[in-house]
Amino acid sequence: MKITEVKTEVLCVPLKEPWRIATAVMSRMYATLVFVKADSGLVGVGECLARLAPSALATIVEEILAPILWNRDPFEVEKLWDEM
């Protein structure tokens, strides 16, 4: 089995009350979903967070990390993690 595709999707949820951290006040919460598809049709889903720049994180995943994963065995998790 080999990884054939890596895609991202940015999610945004408005907050009822703003969330304050040391450097920002946020009125929305973001998450970036990562979909890893194998040639068998199997799809894995993960999540990564960048509270203030989710589209930047999506770009990093798609343009820098995804090429490391293409045509690789999705079950070699530790090896792939170390290479990324």
C-alpha atoms as a PDB file:
ATOM      1  CA  MET A   1       0.000   0.000   0.000  1.00  0.00           C
ATOM      2  CA  LYS A   2       1.286   3.477  -0.920  1.00  0.00           C
ATOM      3  CA  ILE A   3       0.200   7.034  -0.102  1.00  0.00           C
ATOM      4  CA  THR A   4      -1.230   8.689  -3.208  1.00  0.00           C
ATOM      5  CA  GLU A   5      -2.721  11.935  -1.937  1.00  0.00           C
ATOM      6  CA  VAL A   6      -2.460  14.403   0.940  1.00  0.00           C
ATOM      7  CA  LYS A   7      -5.051  17.175   1.225  1.00  0.00           C
ATOM      8  CA  THR A   8      -6.033  19.698   3.857  1.00  0.00           C
ATOM      9  CA  GLU A   9      -9.223  21.457   4.856  1.00  0.00           C
ATOM     10  CA  VAL A  10      -9.354  24.447   7.194  1.00  0.00           C
ATOM     11  CA  LEU A  11     -12.277  24.545   9.628  1.00  0.00           C
ATOM     12  CA  CYS A  12     -13.505  27.687  11.373  1.00  0.00           C
ATOM     13  CA  VAL A  13     -15.973  27.932  14.235  1.00  0.00           C
ATOM     14  CA  PRO A  14     -17.121  31.261  15.701  1.00  0.00           C
ATOM     15  CA  LEU A  15     -16.861  31.461  19.499  1.00  0.00           C
ATOM     16  CA  LYS A  16     -19.702  32.754  21.668  1.00  0.00           C
ATOM     17  CA  GLU A  17     -17.182  34.585  23.839  1.00  0.00           C
ATOM     18  CA  PRO A  18     -13.779  35.788  22.597  1.00  0.00           C
ATOM     19  CA  TRP A  19     -10.841  33.740  23.825  1.00  0.00           C
ATOM     20  CA  ARG A  20      -7.933  35.753  25.150  1.00  0.00           C
ATOM     21  CA  ILE A  21      -4.339  34.566  25.116  1.00  0.00           C
ATOM     22  CA  ALA A  22      -1.149  36.520  25.780  1.00  0.00           C
ATOM     23  CA  THR A  23      -0.759  37.841  22.238  1.00  0.00           C
ATOM     24  CA  ALA A  24      -4.256  37.856  20.772  1.00  0.00           C
ATOM     25  CA  VAL A  25      -7.997  37.891  21.238  1.00  0.00           C
ATOM     26  CA  MET A  26      -9.731  35.317  19.090  1.00  0.00           C
ATOM     27  CA  SER A  27     -13.375  35.368  18.077  1.00  0.00           C
ATOM     28  CA  ARG A  28     -13.029  32.170  16.003  1.00  0.00           C
ATOM     29  CA  MET A  29     -11.329  28.835  16.540  1.00  0.00           C
ATOM     30  CA  TYR A  30      -9.523  27.192  13.624  1.00  0.00           C
ATOM     31  CA  ALA A  31      -8.323  23.681  12.941  1.00  0.00           C
ATOM     32  CA  THR A  32      -6.686  22.184   9.878  1.00  0.00           C
ATOM     33  CA  LEU A  33      -7.746  18.661   8.914  1.00  0.00           C
ATOM     34  CA  VAL A  34      -5.268  16.515   6.996  1.00  0.00           C
ATOM     35  CA  PHE A  35      -6.508  13.682   4.780  1.00  0.00           C
ATOM     36  CA  VAL A  36      -3.989  11.022   3.729  1.00  0.00           C
ATOM     37  CA  LYS A  37      -5.235   8.675   1.010  1.00  0.00           C
ATOM     38  CA  ALA A  38      -3.642   5.364  -0.019  1.00  0.00           C
ATOM     39  CA  ASP A  39      -3.874   3.521  -3.327  1.00  0.00           C
ATOM     40  CA  SER A  40      -6.067   0.910  -1.593  1.00  0.00           C
ATOM     41  CA  GLY A  41      -8.751   3.550  -0.974  1.00  0.00           C
ATOM     42  CA  LEU A  42      -7.957   3.767   2.742  1.00  0.00           C
ATOM     43  CA  VAL A  43      -8.112   7.357   4.071  1.00  0.00           C
ATOM     44  CA  GLY A  44      -6.574   8.543   7.320  1.00  0.00           C
ATOM     45  CA  VAL A  45      -7.655  11.799   8.931  1.00  0.00           C
ATOM     46  CA  GLY A  46      -5.626  13.917  11.330  1.00  0.00           C
ATOM     47  CA  GLU A  47      -5.736  17.401  12.768  1.00  0.00           C
ATOM     48  CA  CYS A  48      -3.150  20.113  13.289  1.00  0.00           C
ATOM     49  CA  LEU A  49      -3.603  23.462  14.956  1.00  0.00           C
ATOM     50  CA  ALA A  50      -2.323  26.930  14.173  1.00  0.00           C
ATOM     51  CA  ARG A  51      -4.640  29.215  16.023  1.00  0.00           C
ATOM     52  CA  LEU A  52      -3.785  32.346  14.046  1.00  0.00           C
ATOM     53  CA  ALA A  53      -2.662  31.068  10.642  1.00  0.00           C
ATOM     54  CA  PRO A  54      -4.501  27.903   9.568  1.00  0.00           C
ATOM     55  CA  SER A  55      -4.051  28.509   5.842  1.00  0.00           C
ATOM     56  CA  ALA A  56      -0.277  28.866   6.345  1.00  0.00           C
ATOM     57  CA  LEU A  57      -0.263  25.516   8.104  1.00  0.00           C
ATOM     58  CA  ALA A  58      -2.277  23.943   5.280  1.00  0.00           C
ATOM     59  CA  THR A  59       0.273  25.253   2.773  1.00  0.00           C
ATOM     60  CA  ILE A  60       3.159  23.793   4.783  1.00  0.00           C
ATOM     61  CA  VAL A  61       1.431  20.406   4.880  1.00  0.00           C
ATOM     62  CA  GLU A  62       0.570  20.377   1.164  1.00  0.00           C
ATOM     63  CA  GLU A  63       3.781  21.872  -0.249  1.00  0.00           C
ATOM     64  CA  ILE A  64       6.519  20.710   2.148  1.00  0.00           C
ATOM     65  CA  LEU A  65       5.330  17.630   4.042  1.00  0.00           C
ATOM     66  CA  ALA A  66       3.086  15.899   1.472  1.00  0.00           C
ATOM     67  CA  PRO A  67       5.898  15.285  -1.058  1.00  0.00           C
ATOM     68  CA  ILE A  68       7.784  13.361   1.645  1.00  0.00           C
ATOM     69  CA  LEU A  69       4.777  11.037   2.008  1.00  0.00           C
ATOM     70  CA  TRP A  70       3.887  10.368  -1.635  1.00  0.00           C
ATOM     71  CA  ASN A  71       4.375   6.742  -2.715  1.00  0.00           C
ATOM     72  CA  ARG A  72       5.352   5.732   0.825  1.00  0.00           C
ATOM     73  CA  ASP A  73       3.923   3.021   3.093  1.00  0.00           C
ATOM     74  CA  PRO A  74       1.379   4.710   5.403  1.00  0.00           C
ATOM     75  CA  PHE A  75       2.141   2.218   8.156  1.00  0.00           C
ATOM     76  CA  GLU A  76       5.756   3.404   8.518  1.00  0.00           C
ATOM     77  CA  VAL A  77       4.523   6.111  10.878  1.00  0.00           C
ATOM     78  CA  GLU A  78       7.677   6.640  12.951  1.00  0.00           C
ATOM     79  CA  LYS A  79       9.987   6.675   9.930  1.00  0.00           C
ATOM     80  CA  LEU A  80       7.772   9.151   8.047  1.00  0.00           C
ATOM     81  CA  TRP A  81       7.415  11.321  11.153  1.00  0.00           C
ATOM     82  CA  ASP A  82      11.201  11.482  11.545  1.00  0.00           C
ATOM     83  CA  GLU A  83      11.667  12.420   7.868  1.00  0.00           C
ATOM     84  CA  MET A  84       9.070  15.151   8.050  1.00  0.00           C
END
